[in-house]
């Protein structure tokens, strides 16, 4: 009887390579850690599968698309969702704050989108940057970018990332509230 690693076919229907598990078996052997930061998890998966940089970037794009779709699937279509989202960002929002006010606060704040997704997965508040320049420098230094094509396809991301081009002014109510 031959070992699974040395057989020419595998019981899972994949094609076994000499001395290696089949691709299907390898895929099953990877156990995702949903509490891990997104980029760390992609790097771990890339190491597990032996991906090159292009494969790693493709997987990151697929993973971000899925995460963002899941995150926005329930939609930020109503008042309660926007209040909840704003509070998860650490913004001072009252229960009766309007959706428009919440959007203004979000636009006036500076967050890295990958950090936002990571923090929501981990159940904590993402890092806020005082200036657009500080956010840009952090994003560039740590390589925490979201692809332009993905941003263009997602209205929610366009809202969050629009401030990289032109920062919105913080609403006066927010300035007064933050001064306390």
N, C-alpha and C. Protein backbone atom coordinates (compact mmCIF):
# COMPACT_ATOMS: atom_id res chain seq x y z
N UNK A 1 0.85 -1.18 0.00
CA UNK A 1 0.00 0.00 0.00
C UNK A 1 0.88 1.23 0.00
N UNK A 2 0.64 2.17 -0.90
CA UNK A 2 1.48 3.36 -1.01
C UNK A 2 0.91 4.49 -0.16
N UNK A 3 1.78 5.40 0.21
CA UNK A 3 1.34 6.54 1.02
C UNK A 3 0.66 7.55 0.13
N UNK A 4 -0.22 8.41 0.69
CA UNK A 4 -0.91 9.41 -0.12
C UNK A 4 0.06 10.34 -0.83
N UNK A 5 1.21 10.59 -0.25
CA UNK A 5 2.15 11.52 -0.84
C UNK A 5 2.85 10.93 -2.05
N UNK A 6 2.91 9.59 -2.15
CA UNK A 6 3.64 9.01 -3.26
C UNK A 6 2.75 8.35 -4.30
N UNK A 7 1.47 8.31 -4.10
CA UNK A 7 0.58 7.66 -5.06
C UNK A 7 0.34 8.56 -6.27
N UNK A 8 -0.08 7.95 -7.38
CA UNK A 8 -0.29 8.72 -8.59
C UNK A 8 -1.67 9.35 -8.66
N UNK A 9 -2.57 8.91 -7.83
CA UNK A 9 -3.87 9.56 -7.76
C UNK A 9 -4.25 9.65 -6.29
N UNK A 10 -5.21 10.49 -6.01
CA UNK A 10 -5.60 10.65 -4.61
C UNK A 10 -7.08 10.38 -4.45
N UNK A 11 -7.45 10.05 -3.22
CA UNK A 11 -8.84 9.72 -2.94
C UNK A 11 -9.76 10.93 -3.04
N UNK A 12 -9.19 12.14 -3.02
CA UNK A 12 -10.04 13.33 -3.10
C UNK A 12 -10.27 13.78 -4.53
N UNK A 13 -9.79 12.99 -5.50
CA UNK A 13 -10.04 13.31 -6.90
C UNK A 13 -9.00 14.20 -7.53
N UNK A 14 -8.06 14.69 -6.75
CA UNK A 14 -7.00 15.54 -7.29
C UNK A 14 -5.89 14.71 -7.87
N UNK A 15 -5.02 15.34 -8.61
CA UNK A 15 -3.87 14.66 -9.17
C UNK A 15 -2.72 14.84 -8.20
N UNK A 16 -2.18 13.74 -7.72
CA UNK A 16 -1.07 13.81 -6.77
C UNK A 16 0.23 13.99 -7.53
N UNK A 17 1.10 14.82 -7.01
CA UNK A 17 2.42 15.01 -7.57
C UNK A 17 3.39 14.14 -6.80
N UNK A 18 4.42 13.64 -7.45
CA UNK A 18 5.37 12.78 -6.74
C UNK A 18 5.92 13.49 -5.49
N UNK A 19 5.79 12.83 -4.35
CA UNK A 19 6.33 13.38 -3.12
C UNK A 19 5.52 14.51 -2.51
N UNK A 20 4.40 14.87 -3.11
CA UNK A 20 3.58 15.97 -2.60
C UNK A 20 2.13 15.53 -2.48
N UNK A 21 1.39 16.24 -1.65
CA UNK A 21 -0.05 15.99 -1.59
C UNK A 21 -0.70 16.59 -2.82
N UNK A 22 -1.90 16.15 -3.16
CA UNK A 22 -2.61 16.72 -4.31
C UNK A 22 -2.99 18.16 -4.01
N UNK A 23 -3.28 18.93 -5.04
CA UNK A 23 -3.68 20.32 -4.86
C UNK A 23 -4.94 20.41 -4.00
N UNK A 24 -5.89 19.50 -4.22
CA UNK A 24 -7.13 19.53 -3.42
C UNK A 24 -6.83 19.21 -1.96
N UNK A 25 -5.94 18.26 -1.70
CA UNK A 25 -5.59 17.92 -0.33
C UNK A 25 -4.85 19.08 0.33
N UNK A 26 -3.94 19.70 -0.43
CA UNK A 26 -3.21 20.86 0.10
C UNK A 26 -4.18 21.97 0.48
N UNK A 27 -5.16 22.22 -0.38
CA UNK A 27 -6.13 23.28 -0.10
C UNK A 27 -6.89 22.98 1.18
N UNK A 28 -7.26 21.72 1.35
CA UNK A 28 -7.99 21.34 2.55
C UNK A 28 -7.11 21.44 3.79
N UNK A 29 -5.80 21.29 3.62
CA UNK A 29 -4.89 21.32 4.75
C UNK A 29 -4.73 22.73 5.30
N UNK A 30 -5.07 23.74 4.54
CA UNK A 30 -4.95 25.12 5.02
C UNK A 30 -6.18 25.48 5.83
N UNK A 31 -5.96 25.90 7.06
CA UNK A 31 -7.06 26.28 7.94
C UNK A 31 -7.00 27.79 8.15
N UNK A 32 -7.98 28.54 7.62
CA UNK A 32 -7.97 29.99 7.77
C UNK A 32 -8.16 30.41 9.22
N UNK A 33 -7.54 31.51 9.56
CA UNK A 33 -7.69 32.12 10.89
C UNK A 33 -8.44 33.43 10.70
N UNK A 34 -9.75 33.40 10.92
CA UNK A 34 -10.58 34.58 10.68
C UNK A 34 -10.31 35.72 11.65
N UNK A 35 -9.55 35.47 12.70
CA UNK A 35 -9.23 36.55 13.62
C UNK A 35 -7.90 37.23 13.27
N UNK A 36 -7.16 36.64 12.34
CA UNK A 36 -5.86 37.20 11.95
C UNK A 36 -6.05 38.43 11.06
N UNK A 37 -5.10 39.37 11.12
CA UNK A 37 -5.16 40.51 10.20
C UNK A 37 -5.15 40.03 8.75
N UNK A 38 -5.84 40.75 7.89
CA UNK A 38 -6.02 40.34 6.50
C UNK A 38 -4.69 40.08 5.79
N UNK A 39 -3.77 41.03 5.85
CA UNK A 39 -2.51 40.87 5.13
C UNK A 39 -1.67 39.73 5.70
N UNK A 40 -1.71 39.55 7.01
CA UNK A 40 -0.97 38.44 7.62
C UNK A 40 -1.55 37.10 7.17
N UNK A 41 -2.86 37.03 7.08
CA UNK A 41 -3.51 35.79 6.67
C UNK A 41 -3.21 35.48 5.19
N UNK A 42 -3.22 36.50 4.36
CA UNK A 42 -2.87 36.28 2.94
C UNK A 42 -1.42 35.84 2.82
N UNK A 43 -0.52 36.46 3.58
CA UNK A 43 0.89 36.06 3.54
C UNK A 43 1.07 34.62 4.02
N UNK A 44 0.34 34.23 5.05
CA UNK A 44 0.41 32.86 5.56
C UNK A 44 -0.10 31.87 4.51
N UNK A 45 -1.20 32.25 3.86
CA UNK A 45 -1.76 31.38 2.82
C UNK A 45 -0.82 31.29 1.63
N UNK A 46 -0.20 32.40 1.26
CA UNK A 46 0.75 32.41 0.15
C UNK A 46 1.94 31.51 0.46
N UNK A 47 2.42 31.57 1.69
CA UNK A 47 3.52 30.70 2.09
C UNK A 47 3.11 29.23 2.06
N UNK A 48 1.91 28.96 2.49
CA UNK A 48 1.40 27.58 2.52
C UNK A 48 1.34 26.99 1.11
N UNK A 49 0.86 27.81 0.15
CA UNK A 49 0.69 27.32 -1.21
C UNK A 49 1.88 27.62 -2.12
N UNK A 50 2.87 28.37 -1.62
CA UNK A 50 4.04 28.69 -2.44
C UNK A 50 3.75 29.66 -3.56
N UNK A 51 2.85 30.63 -3.31
CA UNK A 51 2.48 31.59 -4.34
C UNK A 51 3.58 32.61 -4.60
N UNK A 52 3.63 33.08 -5.87
CA UNK A 52 4.50 34.21 -6.18
C UNK A 52 3.74 35.50 -5.88
N UNK A 53 4.38 36.64 -6.09
CA UNK A 53 3.76 37.93 -5.75
C UNK A 53 2.46 38.18 -6.50
N UNK A 54 2.40 37.79 -7.78
CA UNK A 54 1.18 38.01 -8.56
C UNK A 54 0.03 37.17 -8.01
N UNK A 55 0.29 35.92 -7.69
CA UNK A 55 -0.75 35.07 -7.12
C UNK A 55 -1.21 35.60 -5.77
N UNK A 56 -0.26 36.10 -5.00
CA UNK A 56 -0.58 36.68 -3.68
C UNK A 56 -1.46 37.91 -3.84
N UNK A 57 -1.13 38.78 -4.80
CA UNK A 57 -1.94 39.98 -5.05
C UNK A 57 -3.33 39.63 -5.57
N UNK A 58 -3.40 38.61 -6.44
CA UNK A 58 -4.70 38.17 -6.94
C UNK A 58 -5.58 37.66 -5.80
N UNK A 59 -4.98 36.87 -4.90
CA UNK A 59 -5.74 36.34 -3.77
C UNK A 59 -6.17 37.46 -2.83
N UNK A 60 -5.30 38.44 -2.63
CA UNK A 60 -5.66 39.59 -1.79
C UNK A 60 -6.87 40.31 -2.38
N UNK A 61 -6.86 40.50 -3.70
CA UNK A 61 -7.98 41.17 -4.36
C UNK A 61 -9.27 40.37 -4.18
N UNK A 62 -9.19 39.06 -4.38
CA UNK A 62 -10.38 38.20 -4.20
C UNK A 62 -10.86 38.25 -2.75
N UNK A 63 -9.92 38.17 -1.82
CA UNK A 63 -10.26 38.18 -0.41
C UNK A 63 -10.90 39.51 -0.01
N UNK A 64 -10.31 40.62 -0.48
CA UNK A 64 -10.87 41.93 -0.16
C UNK A 64 -12.26 42.10 -0.76
N UNK A 65 -12.44 41.66 -1.99
CA UNK A 65 -13.77 41.74 -2.61
C UNK A 65 -14.81 40.99 -1.76
N UNK A 66 -14.47 39.77 -1.36
CA UNK A 66 -15.39 38.98 -0.56
C UNK A 66 -15.66 39.60 0.80
N UNK A 67 -14.61 40.11 1.44
CA UNK A 67 -14.76 40.73 2.75
C UNK A 67 -15.61 41.98 2.66
N UNK A 68 -15.35 42.79 1.65
CA UNK A 68 -16.10 44.04 1.49
C UNK A 68 -17.55 43.75 1.12
N UNK A 69 -17.76 42.77 0.25
CA UNK A 69 -19.14 42.41 -0.11
C UNK A 69 -19.90 41.91 1.11
N UNK A 70 -19.24 41.09 1.93
CA UNK A 70 -19.90 40.60 3.14
C UNK A 70 -20.16 41.75 4.11
N UNK A 71 -19.21 42.65 4.20
CA UNK A 71 -19.32 43.78 5.10
C UNK A 71 -20.45 44.73 4.69
N UNK A 72 -20.59 44.93 3.38
CA UNK A 72 -21.60 45.87 2.88
C UNK A 72 -22.87 45.18 2.41
N UNK A 73 -22.92 43.84 2.45
CA UNK A 73 -24.10 43.11 1.96
C UNK A 73 -25.36 43.52 2.71
N UNK A 74 -25.24 43.63 4.01
CA UNK A 74 -26.39 44.04 4.79
C UNK A 74 -26.68 45.51 4.56
N UNK A 75 -25.74 46.14 3.93
CA UNK A 75 -25.92 47.50 3.48
C UNK A 75 -25.84 48.53 4.58
N UNK A 76 -25.33 49.65 4.18
CA UNK A 76 -25.37 50.82 5.05
C UNK A 76 -26.48 51.67 4.46
N UNK A 77 -27.65 51.05 4.37
CA UNK A 77 -28.78 51.68 3.71
C UNK A 77 -29.69 52.42 4.67
N UNK A 78 -29.56 52.13 5.96
CA UNK A 78 -30.50 52.74 6.88
C UNK A 78 -29.79 53.47 8.02
N UNK A 79 -30.56 54.21 8.74
CA UNK A 79 -30.05 55.03 9.83
C UNK A 79 -29.29 54.22 10.87
N UNK A 80 -29.88 53.15 11.35
CA UNK A 80 -29.25 52.35 12.41
C UNK A 80 -27.91 51.78 11.97
N UNK A 81 -27.82 51.33 10.72
CA UNK A 81 -26.57 50.77 10.21
C UNK A 81 -25.47 51.83 10.17
N UNK A 82 -25.81 53.04 9.76
CA UNK A 82 -24.82 54.11 9.71
C UNK A 82 -24.38 54.55 11.10
N UNK A 83 -25.30 54.60 12.03
CA UNK A 83 -24.93 54.95 13.41
C UNK A 83 -23.98 53.88 13.96
N UNK A 84 -24.33 52.62 13.75
CA UNK A 84 -23.50 51.51 14.22
C UNK A 84 -22.11 51.55 13.57
N UNK A 85 -22.07 51.73 12.27
CA UNK A 85 -20.80 51.79 11.54
C UNK A 85 -19.94 52.94 12.05
N UNK A 86 -20.53 54.10 12.23
CA UNK A 86 -19.79 55.27 12.71
C UNK A 86 -19.22 55.04 14.09
N UNK A 87 -20.00 54.43 14.94
CA UNK A 87 -19.53 54.12 16.30
C UNK A 87 -18.40 53.10 16.27
N UNK A 88 -18.48 52.12 15.36
CA UNK A 88 -17.40 51.14 15.24
C UNK A 88 -16.10 51.78 14.78
N UNK A 89 -16.20 52.90 14.09
CA UNK A 89 -15.02 53.66 13.69
C UNK A 89 -14.51 54.53 14.83
N UNK A 90 -15.26 54.57 15.92
CA UNK A 90 -14.86 55.39 17.06
C UNK A 90 -15.33 56.83 16.96
N UNK A 91 -16.30 57.08 16.08
CA UNK A 91 -16.80 58.43 15.90
C UNK A 91 -17.92 58.72 16.91
N UNK A 92 -17.99 59.97 17.39
CA UNK A 92 -19.02 60.33 18.36
C UNK A 92 -20.35 60.59 17.67
N UNK A 93 -21.23 59.61 17.71
CA UNK A 93 -22.50 59.71 17.00
C UNK A 93 -23.64 59.41 17.98
N UNK A 94 -24.59 60.31 18.02
CA UNK A 94 -25.78 60.12 18.86
C UNK A 94 -26.75 59.18 18.16
N UNK A 95 -27.64 58.57 18.92
CA UNK A 95 -28.64 57.66 18.33
C UNK A 95 -29.50 58.33 17.28
N UNK A 96 -29.74 59.63 17.43
CA UNK A 96 -30.61 60.33 16.49
C UNK A 96 -29.83 61.02 15.37
N UNK A 97 -28.54 60.73 15.22
CA UNK A 97 -27.75 61.34 14.16
C UNK A 97 -28.28 60.88 12.80
N UNK A 98 -28.30 61.79 11.85
CA UNK A 98 -28.80 61.44 10.52
C UNK A 98 -27.75 60.66 9.73
N UNK A 99 -28.19 59.96 8.71
CA UNK A 99 -27.27 59.25 7.82
C UNK A 99 -26.33 60.24 7.18
N UNK A 100 -26.84 61.37 6.77
CA UNK A 100 -26.01 62.41 6.14
C UNK A 100 -24.91 62.86 7.09
N UNK A 101 -25.24 63.07 8.36
CA UNK A 101 -24.26 63.49 9.35
C UNK A 101 -23.20 62.40 9.55
N UNK A 102 -23.63 61.14 9.63
CA UNK A 102 -22.69 60.03 9.78
C UNK A 102 -21.72 59.98 8.60
N UNK A 103 -22.25 60.13 7.39
CA UNK A 103 -21.40 60.12 6.20
C UNK A 103 -20.40 61.26 6.23
N UNK A 104 -20.82 62.43 6.67
CA UNK A 104 -19.91 63.56 6.77
C UNK A 104 -18.79 63.28 7.76
N UNK A 105 -19.12 62.68 8.88
CA UNK A 105 -18.10 62.33 9.86
C UNK A 105 -17.10 61.33 9.29
N UNK A 106 -17.62 60.33 8.59
CA UNK A 106 -16.75 59.32 8.00
C UNK A 106 -15.83 59.95 6.97
N UNK A 107 -16.38 60.79 6.11
CA UNK A 107 -15.57 61.45 5.08
C UNK A 107 -14.52 62.37 5.68
N UNK A 108 -14.82 62.96 6.82
CA UNK A 108 -13.90 63.91 7.45
C UNK A 108 -12.81 63.22 8.28
N UNK A 109 -12.90 61.91 8.41
CA UNK A 109 -11.94 61.15 9.19
C UNK A 109 -10.97 60.43 8.26
N UNK A 110 -9.85 60.01 8.81
CA UNK A 110 -8.81 59.37 8.00
C UNK A 110 -8.52 57.97 8.53
N UNK A 111 -8.87 56.96 7.73
CA UNK A 111 -8.68 55.56 8.08
C UNK A 111 -8.07 54.81 6.92
N UNK A 112 -7.28 53.80 7.22
CA UNK A 112 -6.81 52.88 6.19
C UNK A 112 -7.88 51.81 6.05
N UNK A 113 -8.34 51.55 4.83
CA UNK A 113 -9.48 50.65 4.62
C UNK A 113 -9.16 49.22 5.07
N UNK A 114 -7.93 48.78 4.88
CA UNK A 114 -7.58 47.43 5.34
C UNK A 114 -7.62 47.38 6.86
N UNK A 115 -7.18 48.46 7.52
CA UNK A 115 -7.28 48.53 8.98
C UNK A 115 -8.73 48.51 9.44
N UNK A 116 -9.60 49.19 8.69
CA UNK A 116 -11.02 49.20 9.04
C UNK A 116 -11.58 47.78 8.98
N UNK A 117 -11.30 47.07 7.90
CA UNK A 117 -11.80 45.70 7.75
C UNK A 117 -11.20 44.78 8.82
N UNK A 118 -9.89 44.93 9.08
CA UNK A 118 -9.25 44.13 10.13
C UNK A 118 -9.89 44.40 11.49
N UNK A 119 -10.12 45.67 11.79
CA UNK A 119 -10.66 46.00 13.12
C UNK A 119 -12.07 45.46 13.29
N UNK A 120 -12.86 45.48 12.25
CA UNK A 120 -14.21 44.96 12.35
C UNK A 120 -14.19 43.44 12.52
N UNK A 121 -13.24 42.77 11.86
CA UNK A 121 -13.10 41.31 12.04
C UNK A 121 -12.69 41.00 13.47
N UNK A 122 -11.81 41.85 14.04
CA UNK A 122 -11.30 41.61 15.39
C UNK A 122 -12.20 42.19 16.48
N UNK A 123 -13.15 43.03 16.09
CA UNK A 123 -14.06 43.63 17.07
C UNK A 123 -13.47 44.79 17.84
N UNK A 124 -12.53 45.52 17.21
CA UNK A 124 -11.99 46.70 17.86
C UNK A 124 -12.09 47.92 16.95
N UNK A 125 -11.59 49.05 17.40
CA UNK A 125 -11.68 50.30 16.66
C UNK A 125 -10.42 50.52 15.83
N UNK A 126 -10.56 50.90 14.55
CA UNK A 126 -9.36 51.11 13.73
C UNK A 126 -8.61 52.38 14.12
N UNK A 127 -7.35 52.39 13.75
CA UNK A 127 -6.51 53.56 13.99
C UNK A 127 -7.02 54.73 13.16
N UNK A 128 -7.08 55.90 13.79
CA UNK A 128 -7.48 57.13 13.10
C UNK A 128 -6.23 57.97 12.88
N UNK A 129 -6.12 58.59 11.72
CA UNK A 129 -4.98 59.44 11.42
C UNK A 129 -5.41 60.90 11.47
N UNK A 130 -4.58 61.73 12.04
CA UNK A 130 -4.91 63.15 12.20
C UNK A 130 -5.01 63.88 10.86
N UNK A 131 -4.17 63.48 9.91
CA UNK A 131 -4.14 64.17 8.62
C UNK A 131 -4.15 63.17 7.48
N UNK A 132 -4.52 63.65 6.33
CA UNK A 132 -4.49 62.84 5.11
C UNK A 132 -3.06 62.43 4.80
N UNK A 133 -2.12 63.34 5.05
CA UNK A 133 -0.71 63.06 4.80
C UNK A 133 -0.22 61.91 5.69
N UNK A 134 -0.60 61.92 6.96
CA UNK A 134 -0.20 60.85 7.88
C UNK A 134 -0.77 59.51 7.41
N UNK A 135 -2.01 59.50 6.97
CA UNK A 135 -2.63 58.29 6.44
C UNK A 135 -1.88 57.80 5.21
N UNK A 136 -1.57 58.71 4.31
CA UNK A 136 -0.85 58.35 3.08
C UNK A 136 0.51 57.75 3.41
N UNK A 137 1.25 58.38 4.32
CA UNK A 137 2.59 57.89 4.68
C UNK A 137 2.51 56.49 5.31
N UNK A 138 1.54 56.30 6.19
CA UNK A 138 1.34 54.99 6.83
C UNK A 138 0.99 53.94 5.77
N UNK A 139 0.05 54.26 4.90
CA UNK A 139 -0.39 53.32 3.87
C UNK A 139 0.78 52.93 2.97
N UNK A 140 1.56 53.92 2.58
CA UNK A 140 2.70 53.65 1.71
C UNK A 140 3.78 52.85 2.45
N UNK A 141 4.09 53.23 3.69
CA UNK A 141 5.15 52.55 4.44
C UNK A 141 4.84 51.08 4.69
N UNK A 142 3.58 50.79 5.02
CA UNK A 142 3.21 49.42 5.35
C UNK A 142 2.55 48.66 4.20
N UNK A 143 2.39 49.30 3.06
CA UNK A 143 1.83 48.62 1.88
C UNK A 143 0.40 48.16 2.06
N UNK A 144 -0.39 48.93 2.79
CA UNK A 144 -1.77 48.54 3.09
C UNK A 144 -2.72 49.23 2.11
N UNK A 145 -2.60 48.84 0.84
CA UNK A 145 -3.38 49.45 -0.24
C UNK A 145 -4.56 48.57 -0.64
N UNK A 146 -5.59 49.21 -1.14
CA UNK A 146 -6.71 48.53 -1.78
C UNK A 146 -6.66 48.95 -3.25
N UNK A 147 -6.79 47.98 -4.16
CA UNK A 147 -6.68 48.26 -5.58
C UNK A 147 -7.71 49.24 -6.09
N UNK A 148 -7.29 50.06 -7.04
CA UNK A 148 -8.15 51.10 -7.62
C UNK A 148 -9.40 50.52 -8.26
N UNK A 149 -9.27 49.37 -8.95
CA UNK A 149 -10.42 48.75 -9.60
C UNK A 149 -11.49 48.35 -8.58
N UNK A 150 -11.04 47.84 -7.46
CA UNK A 150 -11.97 47.44 -6.40
C UNK A 150 -12.70 48.66 -5.84
N UNK A 151 -11.98 49.74 -5.67
CA UNK A 151 -12.58 50.97 -5.14
C UNK A 151 -13.62 51.52 -6.11
N UNK A 152 -13.29 51.52 -7.38
CA UNK A 152 -14.22 52.05 -8.39
C UNK A 152 -15.54 51.28 -8.43
N UNK A 153 -15.48 49.98 -8.13
CA UNK A 153 -16.67 49.13 -8.21
C UNK A 153 -17.55 49.17 -6.97
N UNK A 154 -17.07 49.79 -5.90
CA UNK A 154 -17.79 49.73 -4.64
C UNK A 154 -18.09 51.13 -4.12
N UNK A 155 -19.36 51.48 -4.09
CA UNK A 155 -19.78 52.81 -3.65
C UNK A 155 -19.32 53.12 -2.23
N UNK A 156 -19.38 52.13 -1.36
CA UNK A 156 -18.95 52.30 0.01
C UNK A 156 -17.47 52.66 0.08
N UNK A 157 -16.63 51.94 -0.68
CA UNK A 157 -15.20 52.25 -0.68
C UNK A 157 -14.92 53.63 -1.26
N UNK A 158 -15.67 53.99 -2.28
CA UNK A 158 -15.47 55.33 -2.85
C UNK A 158 -15.73 56.39 -1.80
N UNK A 159 -16.72 56.18 -0.95
CA UNK A 159 -17.01 57.12 0.12
C UNK A 159 -15.83 57.21 1.09
N UNK A 160 -15.31 56.07 1.50
CA UNK A 160 -14.20 56.06 2.46
C UNK A 160 -12.90 56.56 1.87
N UNK A 161 -12.64 56.21 0.62
CA UNK A 161 -11.36 56.55 0.04
C UNK A 161 -11.36 57.88 -0.70
N UNK A 162 -12.53 58.46 -0.88
CA UNK A 162 -12.59 59.75 -1.57
C UNK A 162 -11.76 60.81 -0.90
N UNK A 163 -11.59 60.73 0.39
CA UNK A 163 -10.85 61.74 1.12
C UNK A 163 -9.37 61.73 0.79
N UNK A 164 -8.87 60.68 0.17
CA UNK A 164 -7.46 60.66 -0.23
C UNK A 164 -7.21 61.69 -1.33
N UNK A 165 -8.24 61.97 -2.12
CA UNK A 165 -8.09 62.97 -3.17
C UNK A 165 -8.36 64.37 -2.64
N UNK A 166 -9.42 64.51 -1.89
CA UNK A 166 -9.80 65.81 -1.38
C UNK A 166 -10.46 65.62 -0.02
N UNK A 167 -9.83 66.08 1.04
CA UNK A 167 -10.43 65.86 2.36
C UNK A 167 -11.69 66.67 2.55
N UNK A 168 -12.68 66.04 3.17
CA UNK A 168 -13.91 66.75 3.50
C UNK A 168 -13.70 67.49 4.81
N UNK A 169 -14.42 68.56 5.00
CA UNK A 169 -14.33 69.30 6.26
C UNK A 169 -15.18 68.59 7.29
N UNK A 170 -14.68 68.55 8.50
CA UNK A 170 -15.42 67.93 9.60
C UNK A 170 -16.62 68.81 9.92
N UNK A 171 -17.81 68.21 10.03
CA UNK A 171 -18.99 69.00 10.37
C UNK A 171 -18.79 69.75 11.68
N UNK A 172 -19.37 70.95 11.78
CA UNK A 172 -19.19 71.79 12.96
C UNK A 172 -19.67 71.08 14.23
N UNK A 173 -20.75 70.32 14.13
CA UNK A 173 -21.25 69.59 15.32
C UNK A 173 -20.18 68.62 15.81
N UNK A 174 -19.49 67.96 14.90
CA UNK A 174 -18.47 66.99 15.29
C UNK A 174 -17.30 67.70 15.96
N UNK A 175 -16.92 68.87 15.43
CA UNK A 175 -15.81 69.61 16.02
C UNK A 175 -16.16 70.01 17.46
N UNK A 176 -17.36 70.48 17.66
CA UNK A 176 -17.80 70.90 18.99
C UNK A 176 -17.85 69.69 19.93
N UNK A 177 -18.34 68.56 19.41
CA UNK A 177 -18.46 67.35 20.23
C UNK A 177 -17.09 66.81 20.59
N UNK A 178 -16.14 66.85 19.66
CA UNK A 178 -14.80 66.33 19.93
C UNK A 178 -14.01 67.21 20.89
N UNK A 179 -14.38 68.47 21.00
CA UNK A 179 -13.68 69.39 21.87
C UNK A 179 -13.94 69.05 23.34
N UNK A 180 -15.02 68.32 23.62
CA UNK A 180 -15.36 67.95 25.00
C UNK A 180 -14.50 66.88 25.54
